[in-house]
Amino acid sequence: MATMVLEKSIWRWRRGRLEEMPDEVVVEEPLEIRLQGEPFQVLMRLPGWEKELALGFLHTEGIIRSLAEVVAVHFCGTATDPLLPPNVVDVILTPAALERRGRRHLEVAYSSCGLCAKEAVSEICQKLPPVASSLTVTTGQILSLMNLLPEAQPVFQKTGGTHAVALASPDGAVFVSAEDIGRHNAMDKVVGRALMEKRDMANLVTLLSGRISFEMALKSIRAGIPILVAVSAPTSMALDLAQALNLTLVGFARRDRMNVYTHPERLTDFIP
């Protein structure tokens, strides 16, 4: 099992007193994604779910459109390929998917950044179709699902250093969650797991432990997930993208409140 937490000696100051004591900190390590053996991307991430992270990243970045475009996935931690160095996932793709890589060179994505809005909303809307889904939920279902999210954050409870993302069906029967030091990594992990489990993401809701950034909205749209719910606020670019591409954004979903920012028609008991 991957090591996610380490114990470190720290100095804690409280009410004028200084004492040395042990504390638990979250682990951050690089993961290199290779395509056909060639370096493609390095992600700084929380160890665990490496195959899911790689597949989810490729899906939400528009490289693969379904699991059918993945021929094989190798991760050195599983000892399936002793020639791979530590922290490397090698993904073998079909020719059609490989062509979407373009001329991209090896990049490093740190835990705090991802797409960074390199493409304007208008350009993305020309390339991506709107989210197609007939999924509807109630406000009560959203709040019930959000109440489950804290239980899916054991590393956060120990360290305070991770984000959490979950994919869930409205009734909670499906609840796939992951933690990571980067919210976009956590998103890619659950999308990758959903791909591996062959789930229909058009019938699921995304739940976030933090804010809704532009890149998180884009990843949800590319995965075909129609509703994105968070405990915090969305950004203006996330709102613009969601409105244009038929994504329902819900923010500040806590206890007995929420703000619905785009496409409220998916909430059957919500009257704007």
C-alpha atoms as a PDB file:
ATOM      1  CA  MET A   1       0.000   0.000   0.000  1.00  0.00           C
ATOM      2  CA  ALA A   2       1.265   3.467  -0.885  1.00  0.00           C
ATOM      3  CA  THR A   3       2.618   5.639   1.912  1.00  0.00           C
ATOM      4  CA  MET A   4       0.447   8.756   2.070  1.00  0.00           C
ATOM      5  CA  VAL A   5       1.439  10.214   5.436  1.00  0.00           C
ATOM      6  CA  LEU A   6       4.847  10.694   7.081  1.00  0.00           C
ATOM      7  CA  GLU A   7       5.672  11.647  10.655  1.00  0.00           C
ATOM      8  CA  LYS A   8       7.948  14.664  11.041  1.00  0.00           C
ATOM      9  CA  SER A   9       9.321  16.508  14.048  1.00  0.00           C
ATOM     10  CA  ILE A  10       7.972  20.048  14.271  1.00  0.00           C
ATOM     11  CA  TRP A  11       7.976  22.948  16.726  1.00  0.00           C
ATOM     12  CA  ARG A  12       4.502  24.024  17.820  1.00  0.00           C
ATOM     13  CA  TRP A  13       3.877  27.400  19.390  1.00  0.00           C
ATOM     14  CA  ARG A  14       0.734  27.807  21.465  1.00  0.00           C
ATOM     15  CA  ARG A  15      -0.104  30.644  23.850  1.00  0.00           C
ATOM     16  CA  GLY A  16       3.469  31.718  24.300  1.00  0.00           C
ATOM     17  CA  ARG A  17       4.902  28.210  24.733  1.00  0.00           C
ATOM     18  CA  LEU A  18       7.180  26.441  22.238  1.00  0.00           C
ATOM     19  CA  GLU A  19       7.501  22.650  22.207  1.00  0.00           C
ATOM     20  CA  GLU A  20       8.974  20.065  19.850  1.00  0.00           C
ATOM     21  CA  MET A  21       6.588  17.280  18.913  1.00  0.00           C
ATOM     22  CA  PRO A  22       5.765  14.812  16.097  1.00  0.00           C
ATOM     23  CA  ASP A  23       3.263  15.725  13.428  1.00  0.00           C
ATOM     24  CA  GLU A  24       1.848  13.970  10.365  1.00  0.00           C
ATOM     25  CA  VAL A  25       2.396  15.513   6.926  1.00  0.00           C
ATOM     26  CA  VAL A  26       1.012  14.480   3.541  1.00  0.00           C
ATOM     27  CA  VAL A  27       3.379  12.810   1.061  1.00  0.00           C
ATOM     28  CA  GLU A  28       4.064  14.495  -2.293  1.00  0.00           C
ATOM     29  CA  GLU A  29       5.809  12.563  -5.065  1.00  0.00           C
ATOM     30  CA  PRO A  30       6.181  12.881  -8.856  1.00  0.00           C
ATOM     31  CA  LEU A  31       4.420  10.552 -11.269  1.00  0.00           C
ATOM     32  CA  GLU A  32       5.664  10.441 -14.850  1.00  0.00           C
ATOM     33  CA  ILE A  33       3.118   9.498 -17.492  1.00  0.00           C
ATOM     34  CA  ARG A  34       4.588   7.961 -20.626  1.00  0.00           C
ATOM     35  CA  LEU A  35       2.823   7.262 -23.898  1.00  0.00           C
ATOM     36  CA  GLN A  36       4.253   4.299 -25.834  1.00  0.00           C
ATOM     37  CA  GLY A  37       7.352   4.607 -23.633  1.00  0.00           C
ATOM     38  CA  GLU A  38       7.893   8.298 -24.413  1.00  0.00           C
ATOM     39  CA  PRO A  39       7.729  10.898 -21.582  1.00  0.00           C
ATOM     40  CA  PHE A  40       4.521  12.946 -21.753  1.00  0.00           C
ATOM     41  CA  GLN A  41       3.677  14.548 -18.385  1.00  0.00           C
ATOM     42  CA  VAL A  42       4.944  14.674 -14.817  1.00  0.00           C
ATOM     43  CA  LEU A  43       2.303  15.181 -12.109  1.00  0.00           C
ATOM     44  CA  MET A  44       3.138  16.078  -8.503  1.00  0.00           C
ATOM     45  CA  ARG A  45       0.667  13.993  -6.560  1.00  0.00           C
ATOM     46  CA  LEU A  46      -0.306  11.970  -3.496  1.00  0.00           C
ATOM     47  CA  PRO A  47       0.766   8.324  -4.025  1.00  0.00           C
ATOM     48  CA  GLY A  48      -1.990   5.821  -4.794  1.00  0.00           C
ATOM     49  CA  TRP A  49      -4.335   5.106  -7.708  1.00  0.00           C
ATOM     50  CA  GLU A  50      -1.531   5.702 -10.223  1.00  0.00           C
ATOM     51  CA  LYS A  51      -3.250   3.945 -13.128  1.00  0.00           C
ATOM     52  CA  GLU A  52      -6.498   5.769 -12.401  1.00  0.00           C
ATOM     53  CA  LEU A  53      -4.678   9.104 -12.262  1.00  0.00           C
ATOM     54  CA  ALA A  54      -2.962   8.500 -15.596  1.00  0.00           C
ATOM     55  CA  LEU A  55      -6.151   7.373 -17.359  1.00  0.00           C
ATOM     56  CA  GLY A  56      -8.249  10.129 -15.847  1.00  0.00           C
ATOM     57  CA  PHE A  57      -5.675  12.747 -16.811  1.00  0.00           C
ATOM     58  CA  LEU A  58      -5.564  11.515 -20.403  1.00  0.00           C
ATOM     59  CA  HIS A  59      -9.367  11.504 -20.564  1.00  0.00           C
ATOM     60  CA  THR A  60      -9.950  14.948 -19.046  1.00  0.00           C
ATOM     61  CA  GLU A  61      -7.154  16.408 -21.176  1.00  0.00           C
ATOM     62  CA  GLY A  62      -8.871  15.153 -24.320  1.00  0.00           C
ATOM     63  CA  ILE A  63      -6.251  12.554 -25.302  1.00  0.00           C
ATOM     64  CA  ILE A  64      -8.498   9.511 -24.913  1.00  0.00           C
ATOM     65  CA  ARG A  65     -12.252   9.467 -25.396  1.00  0.00           C
ATOM     66  CA  SER A  66     -12.977   6.065 -23.894  1.00  0.00           C
ATOM     67  CA  LEU A  67     -11.257   3.067 -22.347  1.00  0.00           C
ATOM     68  CA  ALA A  68     -11.439   1.378 -25.763  1.00  0.00           C
ATOM     69  CA  GLU A  69      -8.578   3.641 -26.880  1.00  0.00           C
ATOM     70  CA  VAL A  70      -6.266   2.242 -24.189  1.00  0.00           C
ATOM     71  CA  VAL A  71      -4.357  -0.876 -25.224  1.00  0.00           C
ATOM     72  CA  ALA A  72      -2.430  -1.382 -21.968  1.00  0.00           C
ATOM     73  CA  VAL A  73      -1.364   0.408 -18.778  1.00  0.00           C
ATOM     74  CA  HIS A  74       1.820  -0.488 -16.884  1.00  0.00           C
ATOM     75  CA  PHE A  75       2.836   0.853 -13.456  1.00  0.00           C
ATOM     76  CA  CYS A  76       6.156  -0.131 -11.925  1.00  0.00           C
ATOM     77  CA  GLY A  77       4.650  -0.411  -8.439  1.00  0.00           C
ATOM     78  CA  THR A  78       2.692  -3.469  -9.534  1.00  0.00           C
ATOM     79  CA  ALA A  79       5.916  -5.249 -10.631  1.00  0.00           C
ATOM     80  CA  THR A  80       4.323  -5.923 -14.018  1.00  0.00           C
ATOM     81  CA  ASP A  81       7.254  -4.272 -15.773  1.00  0.00           C
ATOM     82  CA  PRO A  82      10.621  -4.429 -13.930  1.00  0.00           C
ATOM     83  CA  LEU A  83      12.210  -2.225 -16.617  1.00  0.00           C
ATOM     84  CA  LEU A  84      10.155   0.809 -15.566  1.00  0.00           C
ATOM     85  CA  PRO A  85      11.760   3.101 -12.964  1.00  0.00           C
ATOM     86  CA  PRO A  86       9.819   4.098  -9.822  1.00  0.00           C
ATOM     87  CA  ASN A  87       6.841   6.434 -10.185  1.00  0.00           C
ATOM     88  CA  VAL A  88       6.246   5.845 -13.892  1.00  0.00           C
ATOM     89  CA  VAL A  89       3.014   4.833 -15.638  1.00  0.00           C
ATOM     90  CA  ASP A  90       3.363   3.819 -19.287  1.00  0.00           C
ATOM     91  CA  VAL A  91       0.141   3.902 -21.306  1.00  0.00           C
ATOM     92  CA  ILE A  92      -0.155   2.235 -24.703  1.00  0.00           C
ATOM     93  CA  LEU A  93      -2.797   3.924 -26.862  1.00  0.00           C
ATOM     94  CA  THR A  94      -4.501   3.252 -30.157  1.00  0.00           C
ATOM     95  CA  PRO A  95      -3.181   5.257 -33.130  1.00  0.00           C
ATOM     96  CA  ALA A  96      -6.246   7.530 -33.115  1.00  0.00           C
ATOM     97  CA  ALA A  97      -5.717   8.533 -29.493  1.00  0.00           C
ATOM     98  CA  LEU A  98      -1.988   8.905 -29.922  1.00  0.00           C
ATOM     99  CA  GLU A  99      -2.534  11.431 -32.715  1.00  0.00           C
ATOM    100  CA  ARG A 100      -4.287  13.745 -30.238  1.00  0.00           C
ATOM    101  CA  ARG A 101      -1.050  14.117 -28.308  1.00  0.00           C
ATOM    102  CA  GLY A 102       0.117  16.518 -31.003  1.00  0.00           C
ATOM    103  CA  ARG A 103       3.544  18.050 -30.574  1.00  0.00           C
ATOM    104  CA  ARG A 104       3.343  18.320 -26.823  1.00  0.00           C
ATOM    105  CA  HIS A 105       6.657  17.960 -24.959  1.00  0.00           C
ATOM    106  CA  LEU A 106       7.221  16.697 -21.417  1.00  0.00           C
ATOM    107  CA  GLU A 107       5.700  19.099 -18.889  1.00  0.00           C
ATOM    108  CA  VAL A 108       5.547  19.221 -15.102  1.00  0.00           C
ATOM    109  CA  ALA A 109       2.196  19.999 -13.467  1.00  0.00           C
ATOM    110  CA  TYR A 110       2.563  20.971  -9.824  1.00  0.00           C
ATOM    111  CA  SER A 111      -0.118  20.248  -7.247  1.00  0.00           C
ATOM    112  CA  SER A 112      -1.439  23.814  -7.362  1.00  0.00           C
ATOM    113  CA  CYS A 113      -1.785  24.210 -11.132  1.00  0.00           C
ATOM    114  CA  GLY A 114      -3.117  22.483 -14.184  1.00  0.00           C
ATOM    115  CA  LEU A 115      -4.576  23.904 -17.366  1.00  0.00           C
ATOM    116  CA  CYS A 116      -4.294  27.518 -16.078  1.00  0.00           C
ATOM    117  CA  ALA A 117      -6.811  28.694 -18.714  1.00  0.00           C
ATOM    118  CA  LYS A 118      -4.326  28.571 -21.584  1.00  0.00           C
ATOM    119  CA  GLU A 119      -7.213  28.447 -24.036  1.00  0.00           C
ATOM    120  CA  ALA A 120      -9.984  31.004 -24.100  1.00  0.00           C
ATOM    121  CA  VAL A 121     -13.514  29.851 -23.285  1.00  0.00           C
ATOM    122  CA  SER A 122     -14.678  30.677 -26.801  1.00  0.00           C
ATOM    123  CA  GLU A 123     -11.962  28.508 -28.353  1.00  0.00           C
ATOM    124  CA  ILE A 124     -12.773  25.558 -26.084  1.00  0.00           C
ATOM    125  CA  CYS A 125     -16.481  25.853 -26.862  1.00  0.00           C
ATOM    126  CA  GLN A 126     -15.680  25.467 -30.535  1.00  0.00           C
ATOM    127  CA  LYS A 127     -13.837  22.219 -29.857  1.00  0.00           C
ATOM    128  CA  LEU A 128     -16.094  20.581 -27.248  1.00  0.00           C
ATOM    129  CA  PRO A 129     -19.767  19.612 -27.493  1.00  0.00           C
ATOM    130  CA  PRO A 130     -22.093  20.602 -24.620  1.00  0.00           C
ATOM    131  CA  VAL A 131     -22.646  18.050 -21.866  1.00  0.00           C
ATOM    132  CA  ALA A 132     -25.408  15.693 -22.988  1.00  0.00           C
ATOM    133  CA  SER A 133     -27.301  14.238 -20.030  1.00  0.00           C
ATOM    134  CA  SER A 134     -30.883  13.971 -18.804  1.00  0.00           C
ATOM    135  CA  LEU A 135     -29.773  13.518 -15.164  1.00  0.00           C
ATOM    136  CA  THR A 136     -31.797  15.390 -12.540  1.00  0.00           C
ATOM    137  CA  VAL A 137     -31.379  15.616  -8.773  1.00  0.00           C
ATOM    138  CA  THR A 138     -33.071  17.228  -5.805  1.00  0.00           C
ATOM    139  CA  THR A 139     -31.491  19.730  -3.437  1.00  0.00           C
ATOM    140  CA  GLY A 140     -31.869  17.148  -0.680  1.00  0.00           C
ATOM    141  CA  GLN A 141     -29.890  14.584  -2.657  1.00  0.00           C
ATOM    142  CA  ILE A 142     -27.089  17.078  -3.257  1.00  0.00           C
ATOM    143  CA  LEU A 143     -26.821  17.941   0.433  1.00  0.00           C
ATOM    144  CA  SER A 144     -26.925  14.258   1.416  1.00  0.00           C
ATOM    145  CA  LEU A 145     -24.076  13.476  -0.994  1.00  0.00           C
ATOM    146  CA  MET A 146     -21.999  16.399   0.263  1.00  0.00           C
ATOM    147  CA  ASN A 147     -22.449  15.121   3.815  1.00  0.00           C
ATOM    148  CA  LEU A 148     -20.627  11.938   2.747  1.00  0.00           C
ATOM    149  CA  LEU A 149     -17.569  13.789   1.448  1.00  0.00           C
ATOM    150  CA  PRO A 150     -15.821  14.441   4.817  1.00  0.00           C
ATOM    151  CA  GLU A 151     -15.840  10.683   5.506  1.00  0.00           C
ATOM    152  CA  ALA A 152     -13.874  10.193   2.274  1.00  0.00           C
ATOM    153  CA  GLN A 153     -10.970  12.342   3.504  1.00  0.00           C
ATOM    154  CA  PRO A 154      -8.913  10.255   5.966  1.00  0.00           C
ATOM    155  CA  VAL A 155      -5.608  11.796   4.854  1.00  0.00           C
ATOM    156  CA  PHE A 156      -7.039  15.301   5.283  1.00  0.00           C
ATOM    157  CA  GLN A 157      -8.224  14.407   8.772  1.00  0.00           C
ATOM    158  CA  LYS A 158      -4.630  13.470   9.682  1.00  0.00           C
ATOM    159  CA  THR A 159      -2.739  16.207   7.864  1.00  0.00           C
ATOM    160  CA  GLY A 160      -5.072  18.955   6.619  1.00  0.00           C
ATOM    161  CA  GLY A 161      -3.106  18.820   3.369  1.00  0.00           C
ATOM    162  CA  THR A 162      -5.349  17.252   0.720  1.00  0.00           C
ATOM    163  CA  HIS A 163      -8.354  17.918  -1.480  1.00  0.00           C
ATOM    164  CA  ALA A 164     -11.125  15.391  -2.116  1.00  0.00           C
ATOM    165  CA  VAL A 165     -13.290  14.672  -5.142  1.00  0.00           C
ATOM    166  CA  ALA A 166     -16.074  12.115  -5.443  1.00  0.00           C
ATOM    167  CA  LEU A 167     -18.300  10.855  -8.232  1.00  0.00           C
ATOM    168  CA  ALA A 168     -21.701   9.755  -6.998  1.00  0.00           C
ATOM    169  CA  SER A 169     -25.103   8.702  -8.214  1.00  0.00           C
ATOM    170  CA  PRO A 170     -27.963  10.847  -6.860  1.00  0.00           C
ATOM    171  CA  ASP A 171     -29.061   8.099  -4.460  1.00  0.00           C
ATOM    172  CA  GLY A 172     -25.513   7.527  -3.186  1.00  0.00           C
ATOM    173  CA  ALA A 173     -25.420   3.900  -4.340  1.00  0.00           C
ATOM    174  CA  VAL A 174     -22.348   4.800  -6.401  1.00  0.00           C
ATOM    175  CA  PHE A 175     -19.745   6.805  -4.488  1.00  0.00           C
ATOM    176  CA  VAL A 176     -16.184   6.810  -5.843  1.00  0.00           C
ATOM    177  CA  SER A 177     -13.816   9.149  -3.985  1.00  0.00           C
ATOM    178  CA  ALA A 178     -10.145  10.077  -3.971  1.00  0.00           C
ATOM    179  CA  GLU A 179      -7.827  12.465  -2.167  1.00  0.00           C
ATOM    180  CA  ASP A 180      -4.782  14.250  -3.508  1.00  0.00           C
ATOM    181  CA  ILE A 181      -2.577  17.260  -2.870  1.00  0.00           C
ATOM    182  CA  GLY A 182      -3.996  18.730  -6.095  1.00  0.00           C
ATOM    183  CA  ARG A 183      -7.746  18.980  -6.654  1.00  0.00           C
ATOM    184  CA  HIS A 184      -7.252  18.312 -10.372  1.00  0.00           C
ATOM    185  CA  ASN A 185      -5.351  15.090  -9.530  1.00  0.00           C
ATOM    186  CA  ALA A 186      -8.166  13.944  -7.251  1.00  0.00           C
ATOM    187  CA  MET A 187     -10.604  14.622 -10.087  1.00  0.00           C
ATOM    188  CA  ASP A 188      -8.514  12.634 -12.553  1.00  0.00           C
ATOM    189  CA  LYS A 189      -8.254   9.721 -10.111  1.00  0.00           C
ATOM    190  CA  VAL A 190     -12.013   9.314  -9.730  1.00  0.00           C
ATOM    191  CA  VAL A 191     -12.586   9.783 -13.473  1.00  0.00           C
ATOM    192  CA  GLY A 192      -9.937   7.148 -14.154  1.00  0.00           C
ATOM    193  CA  ARG A 193     -11.556   4.745 -11.699  1.00  0.00           C
ATOM    194  CA  ALA A 194     -14.960   5.354 -13.296  1.00  0.00           C
ATOM    195  CA  LEU A 195     -13.447   4.589 -16.699  1.00  0.00           C
ATOM    196  CA  MET A 196     -11.928   1.354 -15.417  1.00  0.00           C
ATOM    197  CA  GLU A 197     -15.255   0.362 -13.860  1.00  0.00           C
ATOM    198  CA  LYS A 198     -17.058   1.292 -17.128  1.00  0.00           C
ATOM    199  CA  ARG A 199     -19.499   3.612 -15.385  1.00  0.00           C
ATOM    200  CA  ASP A 200     -21.759   5.980 -17.282  1.00  0.00           C
ATOM    201  CA  MET A 201     -20.518   9.348 -16.039  1.00  0.00           C
ATOM    202  CA  ALA A 202     -23.476  11.125 -17.621  1.00  0.00           C
ATOM    203  CA  ASN A 203     -25.508   9.767 -14.678  1.00  0.00           C
ATOM    204  CA  LEU A 204     -23.103  10.889 -11.942  1.00  0.00           C
ATOM    205  CA  VAL A 205     -22.489  14.053  -9.920  1.00  0.00           C
ATOM    206  CA  THR A 206     -19.034  15.478  -9.142  1.00  0.00           C
ATOM    207  CA  LEU A 207     -18.438  16.581  -5.537  1.00  0.00           C
ATOM    208  CA  LEU A 208     -15.523  18.863  -4.604  1.00  0.00           C
ATOM    209  CA  SER A 209     -14.076  19.712  -1.194  1.00  0.00           C
ATOM    210  CA  GLY A 210     -12.836  23.118  -2.405  1.00  0.00           C
ATOM    211  CA  ARG A 211     -13.601  25.781  -4.991  1.00  0.00           C
ATOM    212  CA  ILE A 212     -14.692  25.304  -8.608  1.00  0.00           C
ATOM    213  CA  SER A 213     -11.902  26.470 -10.884  1.00  0.00           C
ATOM    214  CA  PHE A 214     -11.970  26.749 -14.670  1.00  0.00           C
ATOM    215  CA  GLU A 215      -9.920  23.556 -15.043  1.00  0.00           C
ATOM    216  CA  MET A 216     -12.244  21.565 -12.759  1.00  0.00           C
ATOM    217  CA  ALA A 217     -15.262  22.626 -14.775  1.00  0.00           C
ATOM    218  CA  LEU A 218     -13.444  21.708 -17.991  1.00  0.00           C
ATOM    219  CA  LYS A 219     -12.473  18.270 -16.679  1.00  0.00           C
ATOM    220  CA  SER A 220     -16.078  17.586 -15.673  1.00  0.00           C
ATOM    221  CA  ILE A 221     -17.297  18.635 -19.130  1.00  0.00           C
ATOM    222  CA  ARG A 222     -14.744  16.485 -20.946  1.00  0.00           C
ATOM    223  CA  ALA A 223     -15.735  13.515 -18.798  1.00  0.00           C
ATOM    224  CA  GLY A 224     -19.415  14.124 -19.615  1.00  0.00           C
ATOM    225  CA  ILE A 225     -20.437  14.690 -15.975  1.00  0.00           C
ATOM    226  CA  PRO A 226     -23.445  17.051 -15.947  1.00  0.00           C
ATOM    227  CA  ILE A 227     -23.466  18.400 -12.363  1.00  0.00           C
ATOM    228  CA  LEU A 228     -20.523  19.796 -10.389  1.00  0.00           C
ATOM    229  CA  VAL A 229     -21.040  20.568  -6.693  1.00  0.00           C
ATOM    230  CA  ALA A 230     -18.564  22.171  -4.274  1.00  0.00           C
ATOM    231  CA  VAL A 231     -18.396  23.433  -0.712  1.00  0.00           C
ATOM    232  CA  SER A 232     -16.882  26.683  -1.950  1.00  0.00           C
ATOM    233  CA  ALA A 233     -17.252  29.183  -4.783  1.00  0.00           C
ATOM    234  CA  PRO A 234     -16.727  29.003  -8.547  1.00  0.00           C
ATOM    235  CA  THR A 235     -14.536  31.388 -10.525  1.00  0.00           C
ATOM    236  CA  SER A 236     -15.874  33.640 -13.270  1.00  0.00           C
ATOM    237  CA  MET A 237     -14.248  31.597 -16.035  1.00  0.00           C
ATOM    238  CA  ALA A 238     -15.695  28.390 -14.582  1.00  0.00           C
ATOM    239  CA  LEU A 239     -19.145  30.007 -14.738  1.00  0.00           C
ATOM    240  CA  ASP A 240     -18.683  31.160 -18.319  1.00  0.00           C
ATOM    241  CA  LEU A 241     -17.553  27.707 -19.436  1.00  0.00           C
ATOM    242  CA  ALA A 242     -20.323  25.899 -17.551  1.00  0.00           C
ATOM    243  CA  GLN A 243     -23.031  28.160 -18.945  1.00  0.00           C
ATOM    244  CA  ALA A 244     -21.783  27.712 -22.493  1.00  0.00           C
ATOM    245  CA  LEU A 245     -21.364  23.923 -22.338  1.00  0.00           C
ATOM    246  CA  ASN A 246     -24.451  22.874 -20.343  1.00  0.00           C
ATOM    247  CA  LEU A 247     -22.782  22.090 -16.993  1.00  0.00           C
ATOM    248  CA  THR A 248     -24.744  22.684 -13.791  1.00  0.00           C
ATOM    249  CA  LEU A 249     -22.573  24.396 -11.149  1.00  0.00           C
ATOM    250  CA  VAL A 250     -23.564  24.369  -7.477  1.00  0.00           C
ATOM    251  CA  GLY A 251     -21.433  26.123  -4.885  1.00  0.00           C
ATOM    252  CA  PHE A 252     -21.453  26.620  -1.103  1.00  0.00           C
ATOM    253  CA  ALA A 253     -23.370  23.346  -0.699  1.00  0.00           C
ATOM    254  CA  ARG A 254     -23.253  23.041   3.078  1.00  0.00           C
ATOM    255  CA  ARG A 255     -25.764  21.941   5.679  1.00  0.00           C
ATOM    256  CA  ASP A 256     -29.038  23.573   4.515  1.00  0.00           C
ATOM    257  CA  ARG A 257     -27.797  25.971   1.826  1.00  0.00           C
ATOM    258  CA  MET A 258     -26.389  26.119  -1.685  1.00  0.00           C
ATOM    259  CA  ASN A 259     -25.956  28.519  -4.607  1.00  0.00           C
ATOM    260  CA  VAL A 260     -26.926  27.334  -8.092  1.00  0.00           C
ATOM    261  CA  TYR A 261     -24.954  29.279 -10.697  1.00  0.00           C
ATOM    262  CA  THR A 262     -25.762  27.658 -14.041  1.00  0.00           C
ATOM    263  CA  HIS A 263     -28.429  25.411 -15.569  1.00  0.00           C
ATOM    264  CA  PRO A 264     -30.752  25.103 -12.544  1.00  0.00           C
ATOM    265  CA  GLU A 265     -33.183  22.977 -14.549  1.00  0.00           C
ATOM    266  CA  ARG A 266     -31.333  19.830 -13.422  1.00  0.00           C
ATOM    267  CA  LEU A 267     -32.496  20.456  -9.831  1.00  0.00           C
ATOM    268  CA  THR A 268     -36.101  19.349  -9.892  1.00  0.00           C
ATOM    269  CA  ASP A 269     -37.189  21.071  -6.666  1.00  0.00           C
ATOM    270  CA  PHE A 270     -35.200  24.259  -7.202  1.00  0.00           C
ATOM    271  CA  ILE A 271     -37.319  27.302  -8.122  1.00  0.00           C
ATOM    272  CA  PRO A 272     -35.198  30.265  -9.254  1.00  0.00           C
END
